[in-house]
Amino acid sequence: MLIGEVVGTVVATQKDEKLVGLKLQIVREVDERNRPTGKSVVAVDAVGAGRGDHVLFATGSSARQTVLTDGKPADAVIMAVIDSWDVDDRLIYSRQEPVPE
């Protein structure tokens, strides 16, 4: 699993029939300290994430392990919206409260 931030959406009116009805989001990968890694992916949203949400996502064959993506031509999937995380007993991100610098 990887950590990322939803930064946008993708709309494609012409696509493989197995992708019809799936919400596609652009996810910018971040490291454990919430710094952008420079990598982004288009991911199927299996959990209803929105722009600005920090999420857990998987790529490769693991992306086809959710109920929503099973048997679909997906290479990335958002499978959780993060509430918070800490590293070395320091709060890095919280969805509910500002993180001290």
N, C-alpha and C. Protein backbone atom coordinates (compact mmCIF):
# COMPACT_ATOMS: atom_id res chain seq x y z
N MET A 1 0.83 -1.18 0.00
CA MET A 1 0.00 0.00 0.00
C MET A 1 0.88 1.24 0.00
N LEU A 2 0.32 2.27 -0.59
CA LEU A 2 1.01 3.55 -0.69
C LEU A 2 0.10 4.64 -0.15
N ILE A 3 0.70 5.77 0.24
CA ILE A 3 -0.06 6.93 0.71
C ILE A 3 -0.08 7.96 -0.40
N GLY A 4 -1.24 8.59 -0.59
CA GLY A 4 -1.35 9.64 -1.60
C GLY A 4 -2.41 10.64 -1.24
N GLU A 5 -2.46 11.71 -2.02
CA GLU A 5 -3.48 12.73 -1.87
C GLU A 5 -4.25 12.83 -3.18
N VAL A 6 -5.57 12.84 -3.09
CA VAL A 6 -6.40 13.00 -4.29
C VAL A 6 -6.29 14.45 -4.73
N VAL A 7 -5.82 14.65 -5.97
CA VAL A 7 -5.60 16.00 -6.48
C VAL A 7 -6.48 16.34 -7.68
N GLY A 8 -7.22 15.36 -8.17
CA GLY A 8 -8.08 15.64 -9.32
C GLY A 8 -8.87 14.43 -9.74
N THR A 9 -9.66 14.62 -10.79
CA THR A 9 -10.47 13.55 -11.33
C THR A 9 -10.20 13.39 -12.82
N VAL A 10 -10.55 12.24 -13.34
CA VAL A 10 -10.44 11.98 -14.78
C VAL A 10 -11.83 11.60 -15.28
N VAL A 11 -12.25 12.24 -16.35
CA VAL A 11 -13.51 11.90 -17.00
C VAL A 11 -13.18 11.36 -18.38
N ALA A 12 -13.69 10.17 -18.68
CA ALA A 12 -13.47 9.54 -19.99
C ALA A 12 -14.80 8.99 -20.47
N THR A 13 -15.39 9.60 -21.48
CA THR A 13 -16.68 9.14 -21.96
C THR A 13 -16.56 7.91 -22.85
N GLN A 14 -15.41 7.73 -23.45
CA GLN A 14 -15.16 6.54 -24.26
C GLN A 14 -14.12 5.69 -23.54
N LYS A 15 -14.55 4.48 -23.12
CA LYS A 15 -13.64 3.63 -22.36
C LYS A 15 -14.12 2.19 -22.47
N ASP A 16 -13.27 1.27 -22.04
CA ASP A 16 -13.62 -0.14 -22.00
C ASP A 16 -14.89 -0.31 -21.16
N GLU A 17 -15.78 -1.19 -21.59
CA GLU A 17 -17.05 -1.36 -20.89
C GLU A 17 -16.87 -1.79 -19.43
N LYS A 18 -15.76 -2.42 -19.11
CA LYS A 18 -15.52 -2.83 -17.72
C LYS A 18 -15.22 -1.64 -16.81
N LEU A 19 -14.93 -0.48 -17.40
CA LEU A 19 -14.66 0.72 -16.61
C LEU A 19 -15.87 1.63 -16.47
N VAL A 20 -16.96 1.32 -17.16
CA VAL A 20 -18.16 2.15 -17.09
C VAL A 20 -18.67 2.18 -15.65
N GLY A 21 -18.96 3.37 -15.17
CA GLY A 21 -19.49 3.54 -13.82
C GLY A 21 -18.45 3.67 -12.73
N LEU A 22 -17.17 3.52 -13.08
CA LEU A 22 -16.11 3.64 -12.07
C LEU A 22 -15.62 5.09 -12.00
N LYS A 23 -15.44 5.60 -10.79
CA LYS A 23 -14.91 6.95 -10.57
C LYS A 23 -13.39 6.87 -10.63
N LEU A 24 -12.80 7.72 -11.45
CA LEU A 24 -11.34 7.75 -11.62
C LEU A 24 -10.78 9.02 -11.00
N GLN A 25 -9.78 8.86 -10.14
CA GLN A 25 -9.17 9.98 -9.43
C GLN A 25 -7.67 10.04 -9.74
N ILE A 26 -7.13 11.25 -9.73
CA ILE A 26 -5.69 11.43 -9.84
C ILE A 26 -5.14 11.48 -8.42
N VAL A 27 -4.19 10.61 -8.12
CA VAL A 27 -3.62 10.51 -6.79
C VAL A 27 -2.13 10.86 -6.87
N ARG A 28 -1.71 11.86 -6.09
CA ARG A 28 -0.30 12.23 -5.99
C ARG A 28 0.30 11.48 -4.81
N GLU A 29 1.29 10.66 -5.07
CA GLU A 29 1.94 9.88 -4.01
C GLU A 29 2.72 10.80 -3.07
N VAL A 30 2.65 10.50 -1.76
CA VAL A 30 3.45 11.20 -0.76
C VAL A 30 4.23 10.18 0.05
N ASP A 31 5.32 10.64 0.67
CA ASP A 31 6.10 9.73 1.51
C ASP A 31 5.53 9.72 2.94
N GLU A 32 6.19 9.03 3.84
CA GLU A 32 5.68 8.88 5.21
C GLU A 32 5.65 10.19 5.98
N ARG A 33 6.34 11.22 5.47
CA ARG A 33 6.34 12.55 6.11
C ARG A 33 5.40 13.52 5.38
N ASN A 34 4.60 12.98 4.46
CA ASN A 34 3.61 13.75 3.70
C ASN A 34 4.25 14.71 2.70
N ARG A 35 5.42 14.31 2.17
CA ARG A 35 6.09 15.10 1.13
C ARG A 35 5.84 14.43 -0.22
N PRO A 36 5.44 15.19 -1.25
CA PRO A 36 5.21 14.59 -2.57
C PRO A 36 6.46 13.88 -3.08
N THR A 37 6.26 12.70 -3.67
CA THR A 37 7.37 11.93 -4.23
C THR A 37 7.64 12.28 -5.69
N GLY A 38 6.71 12.99 -6.31
CA GLY A 38 6.84 13.31 -7.73
C GLY A 38 6.11 12.32 -8.62
N LYS A 39 5.47 11.31 -8.03
CA LYS A 39 4.73 10.32 -8.80
C LYS A 39 3.24 10.53 -8.63
N SER A 40 2.50 10.30 -9.71
CA SER A 40 1.04 10.36 -9.67
C SER A 40 0.48 9.19 -10.45
N VAL A 41 -0.74 8.78 -10.10
CA VAL A 41 -1.43 7.71 -10.82
C VAL A 41 -2.89 8.08 -10.98
N VAL A 42 -3.53 7.44 -11.94
CA VAL A 42 -4.98 7.47 -12.05
C VAL A 42 -5.47 6.20 -11.39
N ALA A 43 -6.34 6.35 -10.40
CA ALA A 43 -6.80 5.20 -9.62
C ALA A 43 -8.32 5.11 -9.62
N VAL A 44 -8.81 3.88 -9.64
CA VAL A 44 -10.24 3.65 -9.44
C VAL A 44 -10.53 3.93 -7.96
N ASP A 45 -11.58 4.69 -7.71
CA ASP A 45 -11.96 5.03 -6.34
C ASP A 45 -12.98 4.02 -5.83
N ALA A 46 -12.57 3.16 -4.92
CA ALA A 46 -13.45 2.13 -4.37
C ALA A 46 -14.13 2.56 -3.08
N VAL A 47 -13.83 3.77 -2.57
CA VAL A 47 -14.33 4.16 -1.25
C VAL A 47 -14.99 5.54 -1.18
N GLY A 48 -15.12 6.24 -2.28
CA GLY A 48 -15.75 7.55 -2.26
C GLY A 48 -14.87 8.67 -1.76
N ALA A 49 -13.59 8.64 -2.08
CA ALA A 49 -12.66 9.70 -1.68
C ALA A 49 -12.95 10.97 -2.49
N GLY A 50 -12.50 12.09 -1.94
CA GLY A 50 -12.68 13.37 -2.63
C GLY A 50 -11.38 14.14 -2.73
N ARG A 51 -11.41 15.18 -3.52
CA ARG A 51 -10.23 16.02 -3.70
C ARG A 51 -9.73 16.50 -2.34
N GLY A 52 -8.43 16.38 -2.12
CA GLY A 52 -7.81 16.80 -0.87
C GLY A 52 -7.71 15.69 0.16
N ASP A 53 -8.45 14.60 -0.02
CA ASP A 53 -8.35 13.48 0.92
C ASP A 53 -7.01 12.78 0.76
N HIS A 54 -6.46 12.37 1.89
CA HIS A 54 -5.29 11.50 1.89
C HIS A 54 -5.81 10.07 1.93
N VAL A 55 -5.22 9.23 1.09
CA VAL A 55 -5.76 7.89 0.89
C VAL A 55 -4.66 6.84 0.89
N LEU A 56 -5.08 5.58 1.09
CA LEU A 56 -4.21 4.44 0.83
C LEU A 56 -4.60 3.91 -0.54
N PHE A 57 -3.59 3.62 -1.35
CA PHE A 57 -3.87 3.06 -2.66
C PHE A 57 -2.88 1.95 -2.97
N ALA A 58 -3.30 1.08 -3.87
CA ALA A 58 -2.46 -0.04 -4.29
C ALA A 58 -2.33 0.01 -5.80
N THR A 59 -1.22 -0.51 -6.30
CA THR A 59 -0.99 -0.56 -7.74
C THR A 59 -0.66 -1.99 -8.16
N GLY A 60 -0.62 -2.19 -9.47
CA GLY A 60 -0.29 -3.51 -10.00
C GLY A 60 -1.43 -4.49 -9.77
N SER A 61 -1.09 -5.76 -9.68
CA SER A 61 -2.12 -6.79 -9.53
C SER A 61 -2.92 -6.62 -8.23
N SER A 62 -2.34 -6.01 -7.23
CA SER A 62 -3.07 -5.76 -5.98
C SER A 62 -4.27 -4.84 -6.20
N ALA A 63 -4.20 -4.01 -7.24
CA ALA A 63 -5.30 -3.09 -7.53
C ALA A 63 -6.57 -3.81 -7.97
N ARG A 64 -6.45 -5.05 -8.35
CA ARG A 64 -7.61 -5.82 -8.80
C ARG A 64 -8.13 -6.75 -7.71
N GLN A 65 -7.81 -6.47 -6.46
CA GLN A 65 -8.22 -7.33 -5.35
C GLN A 65 -9.43 -6.81 -4.59
N THR A 66 -9.97 -5.65 -4.95
CA THR A 66 -11.18 -5.17 -4.28
C THR A 66 -12.40 -5.70 -5.00
N VAL A 67 -13.52 -5.69 -4.33
CA VAL A 67 -14.78 -6.14 -4.94
C VAL A 67 -15.07 -5.32 -6.19
N LEU A 68 -14.84 -4.02 -6.13
CA LEU A 68 -15.15 -3.12 -7.23
C LEU A 68 -14.24 -3.34 -8.44
N THR A 69 -12.98 -3.71 -8.22
CA THR A 69 -12.02 -3.80 -9.33
C THR A 69 -11.73 -5.23 -9.79
N ASP A 70 -12.30 -6.21 -9.14
CA ASP A 70 -12.06 -7.60 -9.51
C ASP A 70 -12.42 -7.83 -10.98
N GLY A 71 -11.45 -8.29 -11.75
CA GLY A 71 -11.67 -8.56 -13.17
C GLY A 71 -11.69 -7.33 -14.06
N LYS A 72 -11.34 -6.18 -13.51
CA LYS A 72 -11.35 -4.93 -14.28
C LYS A 72 -9.92 -4.57 -14.70
N PRO A 73 -9.78 -3.84 -15.83
CA PRO A 73 -8.45 -3.43 -16.28
C PRO A 73 -7.93 -2.22 -15.50
N ALA A 74 -7.71 -2.40 -14.21
CA ALA A 74 -7.26 -1.32 -13.33
C ALA A 74 -5.85 -1.61 -12.84
N ASP A 75 -5.01 -0.59 -12.82
CA ASP A 75 -3.66 -0.75 -12.33
C ASP A 75 -3.44 0.00 -11.01
N ALA A 76 -4.46 0.74 -10.56
CA ALA A 76 -4.37 1.43 -9.28
C ALA A 76 -5.78 1.56 -8.71
N VAL A 77 -5.87 1.43 -7.36
CA VAL A 77 -7.17 1.55 -6.70
C VAL A 77 -7.01 2.26 -5.36
N ILE A 78 -7.93 3.18 -5.08
CA ILE A 78 -8.01 3.80 -3.76
C ILE A 78 -8.87 2.88 -2.91
N MET A 79 -8.31 2.44 -1.76
CA MET A 79 -9.05 1.48 -0.95
C MET A 79 -9.30 1.94 0.47
N ALA A 80 -8.83 3.14 0.83
CA ALA A 80 -9.11 3.67 2.17
C ALA A 80 -8.87 5.18 2.18
N VAL A 81 -9.68 5.88 2.97
CA VAL A 81 -9.44 7.30 3.24
C VAL A 81 -8.80 7.36 4.62
N ILE A 82 -7.66 8.04 4.71
CA ILE A 82 -6.88 8.09 5.95
C ILE A 82 -7.45 9.13 6.91
N ASP A 83 -7.61 8.74 8.16
CA ASP A 83 -8.01 9.68 9.20
C ASP A 83 -6.80 10.37 9.81
N SER A 84 -5.72 9.61 10.04
CA SER A 84 -4.49 10.20 10.58
C SER A 84 -3.36 9.19 10.46
N TRP A 85 -2.12 9.69 10.56
CA TRP A 85 -0.97 8.82 10.71
C TRP A 85 0.14 9.54 11.46
N ASP A 86 0.97 8.74 12.13
CA ASP A 86 2.10 9.31 12.86
C ASP A 86 3.35 8.50 12.54
N VAL A 87 4.49 9.12 12.71
CA VAL A 87 5.79 8.49 12.51
C VAL A 87 6.66 8.89 13.70
N ASP A 88 7.28 7.90 14.32
CA ASP A 88 8.14 8.16 15.48
C ASP A 88 7.43 9.00 16.54
N ASP A 89 6.18 8.65 16.83
CA ASP A 89 5.36 9.34 17.84
C ASP A 89 5.08 10.80 17.52
N ARG A 90 5.20 11.17 16.25
CA ARG A 90 4.89 12.54 15.83
C ARG A 90 3.75 12.48 14.83
N LEU A 91 2.69 13.24 15.10
CA LEU A 91 1.55 13.30 14.20
C LEU A 91 1.99 13.95 12.89
N ILE A 92 1.81 13.24 11.79
CA ILE A 92 2.17 13.75 10.47
C ILE A 92 0.97 14.33 9.76
N TYR A 93 -0.18 13.64 9.88
CA TYR A 93 -1.39 14.06 9.19
C TYR A 93 -2.61 13.72 10.03
N SER A 94 -3.57 14.63 10.04
CA SER A 94 -4.86 14.38 10.66
C SER A 94 -5.93 15.01 9.80
N ARG A 95 -6.93 14.24 9.49
CA ARG A 95 -8.05 14.74 8.69
C ARG A 95 -8.90 15.71 9.51
N GLN A 96 -8.90 15.56 10.83
CA GLN A 96 -9.79 16.32 11.71
C GLN A 96 -9.19 17.58 12.31
N GLU A 97 -7.87 17.62 12.43
CA GLU A 97 -7.25 18.76 13.13
C GLU A 97 -5.96 19.18 12.43
N PRO A 98 -5.61 20.46 12.55
CA PRO A 98 -4.34 20.91 11.96
C PRO A 98 -3.15 20.23 12.64
N VAL A 99 -2.16 19.94 11.86
CA VAL A 99 -0.94 19.31 12.40
C VAL A 99 0.07 20.40 12.72
N PRO A 100 0.62 20.41 13.95
CA PRO A 100 1.62 21.43 14.29
C PRO A 100 2.87 21.26 13.44
N GLU A 101 3.49 22.36 13.13
CA GLU A 101 4.71 22.34 12.29
C GLU A 101 5.87 21.72 13.01
